[in-house]
Amino acid sequence: MGDYLPLIIQLISGAVGGNIAGSLMKNSSLGTLWNSVAGILGGGLGGTVLGMLGIGTGGGGMDIAGIIGSIAGGGTGGGIVIAVIGLIKKAMNK
């Protein structure tokens, strides 16, 4: 379970980040369910990218820096995915 905890934190943070981004950018929102799904994908990607860069994940450890890094990476990744999907959605509606 210890190896999966950072990933679980990133996925949950991604879902939260996706929903926050969706609520801040009303035109980009996909609804709660799809904001969560896109946020989960973004959270996993964001955490993975930060891990590959060696930033914030604390080497996968569950010290406070690792937890904060997982939350930040997941939330940011989720928000970015929603923003990108929103831009694509807006471009397709033109």
PDB file of N, CA and C in Angstrom:
ATOM      1  N   MET A   1       0.821  -1.197   0.000  1.00  0.00           N
ATOM      2  CA  MET A   1       0.000   0.000   0.000  1.00  0.00           C
ATOM      3  C   MET A   1       0.861   1.255   0.000  1.00  0.00           C
ATOM      4  N   GLY A   2       2.017   1.190   0.666  1.00  0.00           N
ATOM      5  CA  GLY A   2       2.884   2.353   0.776  1.00  0.00           C
ATOM      6  C   GLY A   2       3.394   2.851  -0.563  1.00  0.00           C
ATOM      7  N   ASP A   3       3.600   1.917  -1.512  1.00  0.00           N
ATOM      8  CA  ASP A   3       4.081   2.317  -2.835  1.00  0.00           C
ATOM      9  C   ASP A   3       2.997   3.010  -3.643  1.00  0.00           C
ATOM     10  N   TYR A   4       1.754   2.695  -3.362  1.00  0.00           N
ATOM     11  CA  TYR A   4       0.641   3.252  -4.132  1.00  0.00           C
ATOM     12  C   TYR A   4       0.059   4.522  -3.529  1.00  0.00           C
ATOM     13  N   LEU A   5       0.389   4.818  -2.286  1.00  0.00           N
ATOM     14  CA  LEU A   5      -0.187   5.973  -1.610  1.00  0.00           C
ATOM     15  C   LEU A   5       0.112   7.292  -2.322  1.00  0.00           C
ATOM     16  N   PRO A   6       1.340   7.553  -2.781  1.00  0.00           N
ATOM     17  CA  PRO A   6       1.570   8.812  -3.525  1.00  0.00           C
ATOM     18  C   PRO A   6       0.708   8.893  -4.783  1.00  0.00           C
ATOM     19  N   LEU A   7       0.550   7.794  -5.495  1.00  0.00           N
ATOM     20  CA  LEU A   7      -0.282   7.780  -6.702  1.00  0.00           C
ATOM     21  C   LEU A   7      -1.741   8.056  -6.351  1.00  0.00           C
ATOM     22  N   ILE A   8      -2.237   7.440  -5.289  1.00  0.00           N
ATOM     23  CA  ILE A   8      -3.622   7.661  -4.864  1.00  0.00           C
ATOM     24  C   ILE A   8      -3.834   9.128  -4.503  1.00  0.00           C
ATOM     25  N   ILE A   9      -2.871   9.711  -3.793  1.00  0.00           N
ATOM     26  CA  ILE A   9      -2.959  11.133  -3.428  1.00  0.00           C
ATOM     27  C   ILE A   9      -2.970  11.991  -4.689  1.00  0.00           C
ATOM     28  N   GLN A  10      -2.125  11.662  -5.673  1.00  0.00           N
ATOM     29  CA  GLN A  10      -2.077  12.424  -6.926  1.00  0.00           C
ATOM     30  C   GLN A  10      -3.400  12.334  -7.672  1.00  0.00           C
ATOM     31  N   LEU A  11      -3.997  11.152  -7.714  1.00  0.00           N
ATOM     32  CA  LEU A  11      -5.257  10.972  -8.439  1.00  0.00           C
ATOM     33  C   LEU A  11      -6.396  11.731  -7.767  1.00  0.00           C
ATOM     34  N   ILE A  12      -6.464  11.655  -6.453  1.00  0.00           N
ATOM     35  CA  ILE A  12      -7.509  12.389  -5.725  1.00  0.00           C
ATOM     36  C   ILE A  12      -7.293  13.894  -5.882  1.00  0.00           C
ATOM     37  N   SER A  13      -6.039  14.335  -5.760  1.00  0.00           N
ATOM     38  CA  SER A  13      -5.726  15.758  -5.935  1.00  0.00           C
ATOM     39  C   SER A  13      -6.049  16.213  -7.352  1.00  0.00           C
ATOM     40  N   GLY A  14      -5.818  15.342  -8.318  1.00  0.00           N
ATOM     41  CA  GLY A  14      -6.150  15.660  -9.702  1.00  0.00           C
ATOM     42  C   GLY A  14      -7.636  15.863  -9.887  1.00  0.00           C
ATOM     43  N   ALA A  15      -8.439  14.986  -9.276  1.00  0.00           N
ATOM     44  CA  ALA A  15      -9.897  15.125  -9.369  1.00  0.00           C
ATOM     45  C   ALA A  15     -10.346  16.442  -8.745  1.00  0.00           C
ATOM     46  N   VAL A  16      -9.779  16.774  -7.594  1.00  0.00           N
ATOM     47  CA  VAL A  16     -10.113  18.041  -6.937  1.00  0.00           C
ATOM     48  C   VAL A  16      -9.658  19.220  -7.794  1.00  0.00           C
ATOM     49  N   GLY A  17      -8.425  19.140  -8.311  1.00  0.00           N
ATOM     50  CA  GLY A  17      -7.900  20.214  -9.161  1.00  0.00           C
ATOM     51  C   GLY A  17      -8.722  20.400 -10.433  1.00  0.00           C
ATOM     52  N   GLY A  18      -9.162  19.290 -11.017  1.00  0.00           N
ATOM     53  CA  GLY A  18     -10.000  19.364 -12.212  1.00  0.00           C
ATOM     54  C   GLY A  18     -11.323  20.047 -11.942  1.00  0.00           C
ATOM     55  N   ASN A  19     -11.927  19.733 -10.800  1.00  0.00           N
ATOM     56  CA  ASN A  19     -13.204  20.352 -10.455  1.00  0.00           C
ATOM     57  C   ASN A  19     -13.042  21.822 -10.086  1.00  0.00           C
ATOM     58  N   ILE A  20     -11.951  22.160  -9.425  1.00  0.00           N
ATOM     59  CA  ILE A  20     -11.700  23.573  -9.114  1.00  0.00           C
ATOM     60  C   ILE A  20     -11.495  24.361 -10.401  1.00  0.00           C
ATOM     61  N   ALA A  21     -10.675  23.807 -11.312  1.00  0.00           N
ATOM     62  CA  ALA A  21     -10.451  24.485 -12.593  1.00  0.00           C
ATOM     63  C   ALA A  21     -11.760  24.615 -13.371  1.00  0.00           C
ATOM     64  N   GLY A  22     -12.585  23.574 -13.351  1.00  0.00           N
ATOM     65  CA  GLY A  22     -13.869  23.625 -14.044  1.00  0.00           C
ATOM     66  C   GLY A  22     -14.796  24.675 -13.461  1.00  0.00           C
ATOM     67  N   SER A  23     -14.747  24.848 -12.136  1.00  0.00           N
ATOM     68  CA  SER A  23     -15.621  25.857 -11.520  1.00  0.00           C
ATOM     69  C   SER A  23     -15.097  27.270 -11.752  1.00  0.00           C
ATOM     70  N   LEU A  24     -13.783  27.421 -11.881  1.00  0.00           N
ATOM     71  CA  LEU A  24     -13.213  28.736 -12.138  1.00  0.00           C
ATOM     72  C   LEU A  24     -13.384  29.148 -13.592  1.00  0.00           C
ATOM     73  N   MET A  25     -13.354  28.176 -14.482  1.00  0.00           N
ATOM     74  CA  MET A  25     -13.489  28.451 -15.914  1.00  0.00           C
ATOM     75  C   MET A  25     -14.801  27.817 -16.384  1.00  0.00           C
ATOM     76  N   LYS A  26     -15.886  28.517 -16.152  1.00  0.00           N
ATOM     77  CA  LYS A  26     -17.223  27.981 -16.441  1.00  0.00           C
ATOM     78  C   LYS A  26     -17.359  27.479 -17.881  1.00  0.00           C
ATOM     79  N   ASN A  27     -16.743  28.167 -18.838  1.00  0.00           N
ATOM     80  CA  ASN A  27     -16.839  27.762 -20.241  1.00  0.00           C
ATOM     81  C   ASN A  27     -16.067  26.476 -20.521  1.00  0.00           C
ATOM     82  N   SER A  28     -15.105  26.138 -19.653  1.00  0.00           N
ATOM     83  CA  SER A  28     -14.291  24.942 -19.856  1.00  0.00           C
ATOM     84  C   SER A  28     -14.822  23.740 -19.095  1.00  0.00           C
ATOM     85  N   SER A  29     -15.761  23.970 -18.200  1.00  0.00           N
ATOM     86  CA  SER A  29     -16.255  22.891 -17.350  1.00  0.00           C
ATOM     87  C   SER A  29     -16.942  21.808 -18.177  1.00  0.00           C
ATOM     88  N   LEU A  30     -16.674  20.564 -17.799  1.00  0.00           N
ATOM     89  CA  LEU A  30     -17.275  19.414 -18.459  1.00  0.00           C
ATOM     90  C   LEU A  30     -18.340  18.775 -17.587  1.00  0.00           C
ATOM     91  N   GLY A  31     -18.633  19.386 -16.469  1.00  0.00           N
ATOM     92  CA  GLY A  31     -19.522  18.791 -15.476  1.00  0.00           C
ATOM     93  C   GLY A  31     -18.684  18.061 -14.434  1.00  0.00           C
ATOM     94  N   THR A  32     -19.241  17.841 -13.284  1.00  0.00           N
ATOM     95  CA  THR A  32     -18.483  17.278 -12.161  1.00  0.00           C
ATOM     96  C   THR A  32     -17.834  15.936 -12.498  1.00  0.00           C
ATOM     97  N   LEU A  33     -18.580  15.031 -13.098  1.00  0.00           N
ATOM     98  CA  LEU A  33     -18.045  13.698 -13.394  1.00  0.00           C
ATOM     99  C   LEU A  33     -16.860  13.781 -14.354  1.00  0.00           C
ATOM    100  N   TRP A  34     -17.020  14.476 -15.481  1.00  0.00           N
ATOM    101  CA  TRP A  34     -15.950  14.528 -16.476  1.00  0.00           C
ATOM    102  C   TRP A  34     -14.805  15.421 -16.029  1.00  0.00           C
ATOM    103  N   ASN A  35     -15.086  16.452 -15.227  1.00  0.00           N
ATOM    104  CA  ASN A  35     -13.996  17.233 -14.632  1.00  0.00           C
ATOM    105  C   ASN A  35     -13.149  16.328 -13.742  1.00  0.00           C
ATOM    106  N   SER A  36     -13.820  15.457 -12.993  1.00  0.00           N
ATOM    107  CA  SER A  36     -13.105  14.530 -12.113  1.00  0.00           C
ATOM    108  C   SER A  36     -12.280  13.535 -12.917  1.00  0.00           C
ATOM    109  N   VAL A  37     -12.878  12.967 -13.968  1.00  0.00           N
ATOM    110  CA  VAL A  37     -12.163  11.986 -14.798  1.00  0.00           C
ATOM    111  C   VAL A  37     -10.938  12.634 -15.448  1.00  0.00           C
ATOM    112  N   ALA A  38     -11.135  13.794 -16.065  1.00  0.00           N
ATOM    113  CA  ALA A  38     -10.012  14.491 -16.700  1.00  0.00           C
ATOM    114  C   ALA A  38      -8.973  14.897 -15.656  1.00  0.00           C
ATOM    115  N   GLY A  39      -9.444  15.317 -14.486  1.00  0.00           N
ATOM    116  CA  GLY A  39      -8.529  15.690 -13.410  1.00  0.00           C
ATOM    117  C   GLY A  39      -7.717  14.512 -12.903  1.00  0.00           C
ATOM    118  N   ILE A  40      -8.340  13.340 -12.806  1.00  0.00           N
ATOM    119  CA  ILE A  40      -7.627  12.137 -12.378  1.00  0.00           C
ATOM    120  C   ILE A  40      -6.518  11.803 -13.373  1.00  0.00           C
ATOM    121  N   LEU A  41      -6.845  11.880 -14.671  1.00  0.00           N
ATOM    122  CA  LEU A  41      -5.820  11.634 -15.694  1.00  0.00           C
ATOM    123  C   LEU A  41      -4.690  12.655 -15.580  1.00  0.00           C
ATOM    124  N   GLY A  42      -5.076  13.918 -15.434  1.00  0.00           N
ATOM    125  CA  GLY A  42      -4.070  14.977 -15.290  1.00  0.00           C
ATOM    126  C   GLY A  42      -3.265  14.837 -14.013  1.00  0.00           C
ATOM    127  N   GLY A  43      -3.917  14.401 -12.953  1.00  0.00           N
ATOM    128  CA  GLY A  43      -3.214  14.204 -11.685  1.00  0.00           C
ATOM    129  C   GLY A  43      -2.149  13.131 -11.792  1.00  0.00           C
ATOM    130  N   GLY A  44      -2.503  12.034 -12.444  1.00  0.00           N
ATOM    131  CA  GLY A  44      -1.525  10.967 -12.646  1.00  0.00           C
ATOM    132  C   GLY A  44      -0.362  11.428 -13.511  1.00  0.00           C
ATOM    133  N   LEU A  45      -0.690  12.160 -14.571  1.00  0.00           N
ATOM    134  CA  LEU A  45       0.361  12.668 -15.463  1.00  0.00           C
ATOM    135  C   LEU A  45       1.221  13.717 -14.767  1.00  0.00           C
ATOM    136  N   GLY A  46       0.565  14.632 -14.051  1.00  0.00           N
ATOM    137  CA  GLY A  46       1.306  15.694 -13.360  1.00  0.00           C
ATOM    138  C   GLY A  46       2.256  15.137 -12.315  1.00  0.00           C
ATOM    139  N   GLY A  47       1.774  14.178 -11.547  1.00  0.00           N
ATOM    140  CA  GLY A  47       2.632  13.558 -10.539  1.00  0.00           C
ATOM    141  C   GLY A  47       3.782  12.793 -11.156  1.00  0.00           C
ATOM    142  N   THR A  48       3.509  12.121 -12.257  1.00  0.00           N
ATOM    143  CA  THR A  48       4.550  11.359 -12.949  1.00  0.00           C
ATOM    144  C   THR A  48       5.621  12.284 -13.519  1.00  0.00           C
ATOM    145  N   VAL A  49       5.176  13.368 -14.152  1.00  0.00           N
ATOM    146  CA  VAL A  49       6.134  14.318 -14.735  1.00  0.00           C
ATOM    147  C   VAL A  49       7.005  14.938 -13.641  1.00  0.00           C
ATOM    148  N   LEU A  50       6.394  15.361 -12.541  1.00  0.00           N
ATOM    149  CA  LEU A  50       7.186  15.931 -11.450  1.00  0.00           C
ATOM    150  C   LEU A  50       8.151  14.901 -10.881  1.00  0.00           C
ATOM    151  N   GLY A  51       7.693  13.649 -10.794  1.00  0.00           N
ATOM    152  CA  GLY A  51       8.564  12.583 -10.300  1.00  0.00           C
ATOM    153  C   GLY A  51       9.762  12.368 -11.218  1.00  0.00           C
ATOM    154  N   MET A  52       9.531  12.401 -12.531  1.00  0.00           N
ATOM    155  CA  MET A  52      10.630  12.222 -13.484  1.00  0.00           C
ATOM    156  C   MET A  52      11.616  13.384 -13.411  1.00  0.00           C
ATOM    157  N   LEU A  53      11.100  14.568 -13.100  1.00  0.00           N
ATOM    158  CA  LEU A  53      11.967  15.735 -12.963  1.00  0.00           C
ATOM    159  C   LEU A  53      12.642  15.790 -11.595  1.00  0.00           C
ATOM    160  N   GLY A  54      12.205  14.916 -10.685  1.00  0.00           N
ATOM    161  CA  GLY A  54      12.765  14.893  -9.343  1.00  0.00           C
ATOM    162  C   GLY A  54      12.302  16.037  -8.480  1.00  0.00           C
ATOM    163  N   ILE A  55      11.122  16.581  -8.812  1.00  0.00           N
ATOM    164  CA  ILE A  55      10.606  17.736  -8.086  1.00  0.00           C
ATOM    165  C   ILE A  55       9.450  17.317  -7.193  1.00  0.00           C
ATOM    166  N   GLY A  56       9.549  17.597  -5.916  1.00  0.00           N
ATOM    167  CA  GLY A  56       8.408  17.560  -5.024  1.00  0.00           C
ATOM    168  C   GLY A  56       7.900  16.225  -4.543  1.00  0.00           C
ATOM    169  N   THR A  57       8.220  15.128  -5.180  1.00  0.00           N
ATOM    170  CA  THR A  57       7.619  13.875  -4.741  1.00  0.00           C
ATOM    171  C   THR A  57       8.430  13.191  -3.663  1.00  0.00           C
ATOM    172  N   GLY A  58       9.575  13.711  -3.344  1.00  0.00           N
ATOM    173  CA  GLY A  58      10.369  13.148  -2.258  1.00  0.00           C
ATOM    174  C   GLY A  58      10.798  11.717  -2.525  1.00  0.00           C
ATOM    175  N   GLY A  59      10.972  11.367  -3.781  1.00  0.00           N
ATOM    176  CA  GLY A  59      11.396  10.016  -4.124  1.00  0.00           C
ATOM    177  C   GLY A  59      10.333   8.980  -3.839  1.00  0.00           C
ATOM    178  N   GLY A  60       9.072   9.390  -3.785  1.00  0.00           N
ATOM    179  CA  GLY A  60       7.991   8.451  -3.523  1.00  0.00           C
ATOM    180  C   GLY A  60       7.766   8.206  -2.047  1.00  0.00           C
ATOM    181  N   GLY A  61       8.571   8.853  -1.196  1.00  0.00           N
ATOM    182  CA  GLY A  61       8.410   8.671   0.238  1.00  0.00           C
ATOM    183  C   GLY A  61       7.171   9.382   0.754  1.00  0.00           C
ATOM    184  N   MET A  62       6.759   9.006   1.948  1.00  0.00           N
ATOM    185  CA  MET A  62       5.552   9.609   2.503  1.00  0.00           C
ATOM    186  C   MET A  62       5.886  10.585   3.626  1.00  0.00           C
ATOM    187  N   ASP A  63       7.015  11.291   3.487  1.00  0.00           N
ATOM    188  CA  ASP A  63       7.284  12.391   4.395  1.00  0.00           C
ATOM    189  C   ASP A  63       6.442  13.583   3.955  1.00  0.00           C
ATOM    190  N   ILE A  64       6.492  14.665   4.687  1.00  0.00           N
ATOM    191  CA  ILE A  64       5.622  15.805   4.396  1.00  0.00           C
ATOM    192  C   ILE A  64       5.922  16.396   3.013  1.00  0.00           C
ATOM    193  N   ALA A  65       7.188  16.418   2.610  1.00  0.00           N
ATOM    194  CA  ALA A  65       7.536  16.944   1.284  1.00  0.00           C
ATOM    195  C   ALA A  65       6.950  16.059   0.191  1.00  0.00           C
ATOM    196  N   GLY A  66       6.968  14.757   0.385  1.00  0.00           N
ATOM    197  CA  GLY A  66       6.396  13.836  -0.597  1.00  0.00           C
ATOM    198  C   GLY A  66       4.894  13.989  -0.719  1.00  0.00           C
ATOM    199  N   ILE A  67       4.226  14.156   0.408  1.00  0.00           N
ATOM    200  CA  ILE A  67       2.768  14.333   0.392  1.00  0.00           C
ATOM    201  C   ILE A  67       2.398  15.647  -0.281  1.00  0.00           C
ATOM    202  N   ILE A  68       3.070  16.723   0.096  1.00  0.00           N
ATOM    203  CA  ILE A  68       2.790  18.033  -0.507  1.00  0.00           C
ATOM    204  C   ILE A  68       3.101  18.008  -1.996  1.00  0.00           C
ATOM    205  N   GLY A  69       4.193  17.362  -2.385  1.00  0.00           N
ATOM    206  CA  GLY A  69       4.545  17.245  -3.797  1.00  0.00           C
ATOM    207  C   GLY A  69       3.500  16.473  -4.582  1.00  0.00           C
ATOM    208  N   SER A  70       2.977  15.407  -3.980  1.00  0.00           N
ATOM    209  CA  SER A  70       1.939  14.618  -4.645  1.00  0.00           C
ATOM    210  C   SER A  70       0.658  15.432  -4.818  1.00  0.00           C
ATOM    211  N   ILE A  71       0.291  16.171  -3.791  1.00  0.00           N
ATOM    212  CA  ILE A  71      -0.916  17.008  -3.865  1.00  0.00           C
ATOM    213  C   ILE A  71      -0.733  18.107  -4.916  1.00  0.00           C
ATOM    214  N   ALA A  72       0.421  18.772  -4.876  1.00  0.00           N
ATOM    215  CA  ALA A  72       0.672  19.868  -5.827  1.00  0.00           C
ATOM    216  C   ALA A  72       0.718  19.350  -7.258  1.00  0.00           C
ATOM    217  N   GLY A  73       1.432  18.270  -7.476  1.00  0.00           N
ATOM    218  CA  GLY A  73       1.539  17.709  -8.822  1.00  0.00           C
ATOM    219  C   GLY A  73       0.203  17.226  -9.350  1.00  0.00           C
ATOM    220  N   GLY A  74      -0.550  16.549  -8.497  1.00  0.00           N
ATOM    221  CA  GLY A  74      -1.858  16.056  -8.913  1.00  0.00           C
ATOM    222  C   GLY A  74      -2.845  17.170  -9.185  1.00  0.00           C
ATOM    223  N   GLY A  75      -2.933  18.117  -8.282  1.00  0.00           N
ATOM    224  CA  GLY A  75      -3.873  19.234  -8.453  1.00  0.00           C
ATOM    225  C   GLY A  75      -3.546  20.099  -9.659  1.00  0.00           C
ATOM    226  N   THR A  76      -2.270  20.382  -9.836  1.00  0.00           N
ATOM    227  CA  THR A  76      -1.850  21.194 -10.978  1.00  0.00           C
ATOM    228  C   THR A  76      -2.103  20.456 -12.287  1.00  0.00           C
ATOM    229  N   GLY A  77      -1.737  19.182 -12.326  1.00  0.00           N
ATOM    230  CA  GLY A  77      -1.970  18.382 -13.532  1.00  0.00           C
ATOM    231  C   GLY A  77      -3.440  18.309 -13.890  1.00  0.00           C
ATOM    232  N   GLY A  78      -4.291  18.121 -12.883  1.00  0.00           N
ATOM    233  CA  GLY A  78      -5.732  18.081 -13.128  1.00  0.00           C
ATOM    234  C   GLY A  78      -6.260  19.391 -13.672  1.00  0.00           C
ATOM    235  N   GLY A  79      -5.806  20.486 -13.104  1.00  0.00           N
ATOM    236  CA  GLY A  79      -6.236  21.800 -13.580  1.00  0.00           C
ATOM    237  C   GLY A  79      -5.773  22.087 -14.994  1.00  0.00           C
ATOM    238  N   ILE A  80      -4.549  21.685 -15.308  1.00  0.00           N
ATOM    239  CA  ILE A  80      -4.009  21.924 -16.650  1.00  0.00           C
ATOM    240  C   ILE A  80      -4.784  21.130 -17.690  1.00  0.00           C
ATOM    241  N   VAL A  81      -5.104  19.883 -17.389  1.00  0.00           N
ATOM    242  CA  VAL A  81      -5.856  19.067 -18.350  1.00  0.00           C
ATOM    243  C   VAL A  81      -7.225  19.683 -18.617  1.00  0.00           C
ATOM    244  N   ILE A  82      -7.915  20.154 -17.586  1.00  0.00           N
ATOM    245  CA  ILE A  82      -9.218  20.792 -17.782  1.00  0.00           C
ATOM    246  C   ILE A  82      -9.067  22.055 -18.627  1.00  0.00           C
ATOM    247  N   ALA A  83      -8.027  22.849 -18.370  1.00  0.00           N
ATOM    248  CA  ALA A  83      -7.808  24.070 -19.152  1.00  0.00           C
ATOM    249  C   ALA A  83      -7.563  23.738 -20.627  1.00  0.00           C
ATOM    250  N   VAL A  84      -6.755  22.722 -20.887  1.00  0.00           N
ATOM    251  CA  VAL A  84      -6.465  22.332 -22.274  1.00  0.00           C
ATOM    252  C   VAL A  84      -7.731  21.812 -22.955  1.00  0.00           C
ATOM    253  N   ILE A  85      -8.481  20.974 -22.265  1.00  0.00           N
ATOM    254  CA  ILE A  85      -9.729  20.452 -22.836  1.00  0.00           C
ATOM    255  C   ILE A  85     -10.695  21.601 -23.104  1.00  0.00           C
ATOM    256  N   GLY A  86     -10.743  22.576 -22.202  1.00  0.00           N
ATOM    257  CA  GLY A  86     -11.600  23.739 -22.396  1.00  0.00           C
ATOM    258  C   GLY A  86     -11.219  24.538 -23.631  1.00  0.00           C
ATOM    259  N   LEU A  87      -9.921  24.718 -23.846  1.00  0.00           N
ATOM    260  CA  LEU A  87      -9.457  25.441 -25.031  1.00  0.00           C
ATOM    261  C   LEU A  87      -9.819  24.683 -26.312  1.00  0.00           C
ATOM    262  N   ILE A  88      -9.637  23.372 -26.282  1.00  0.00           N
ATOM    263  CA  ILE A  88     -10.003  22.560 -27.455  1.00  0.00           C
ATOM    264  C   ILE A  88     -11.496  22.620 -27.707  1.00  0.00           C
ATOM    265  N   LYS A  89     -12.265  22.515 -26.628  1.00  0.00           N
ATOM    266  CA  LYS A  89     -13.735  22.576 -26.733  1.00  0.00           C
ATOM    267  C   LYS A  89     -14.177  23.919 -27.312  1.00  0.00           C
ATOM    268  N   LYS A  90     -13.568  25.006 -26.842  1.00  0.00           N
ATOM    269  CA  LYS A  90     -13.918  26.339 -27.328  1.00  0.00           C
ATOM    270  C   LYS A  90     -13.545  26.500 -28.801  1.00  0.00           C
ATOM    271  N   ALA A  91     -12.371  25.970 -29.194  1.00  0.00           N
ATOM    272  CA  ALA A  91     -11.932  26.067 -30.587  1.00  0.00           C
ATOM    273  C   ALA A  91     -12.848  25.263 -31.512  1.00  0.00           C
ATOM    274  N   MET A  92     -13.361  24.152 -31.050  1.00  0.00           N
ATOM    275  CA  MET A  92     -14.235  23.315 -31.874  1.00  0.00           C
ATOM    276  C   MET A  92     -15.611  23.922 -32.035  1.00  0.00           C
ATOM    277  N   ASN A  93     -16.039  24.760 -31.100  1.00  0.00           N
ATOM    278  CA  ASN A  93     -17.356  25.379 -31.158  1.00  0.00           C
ATOM    279  C   ASN A  93     -17.389  26.603 -32.059  1.00  0.00           C
ATOM    280  N   LYS A  94     -16.251  27.045 -32.551  1.00  0.00           N
ATOM    281  CA  LYS A  94     -16.201  28.240 -33.411  1.00  0.00           C
ATOM    282  C   LYS A  94     -16.564  27.895 -34.835  1.00  0.00           C
TER     283      LYS A  94
END
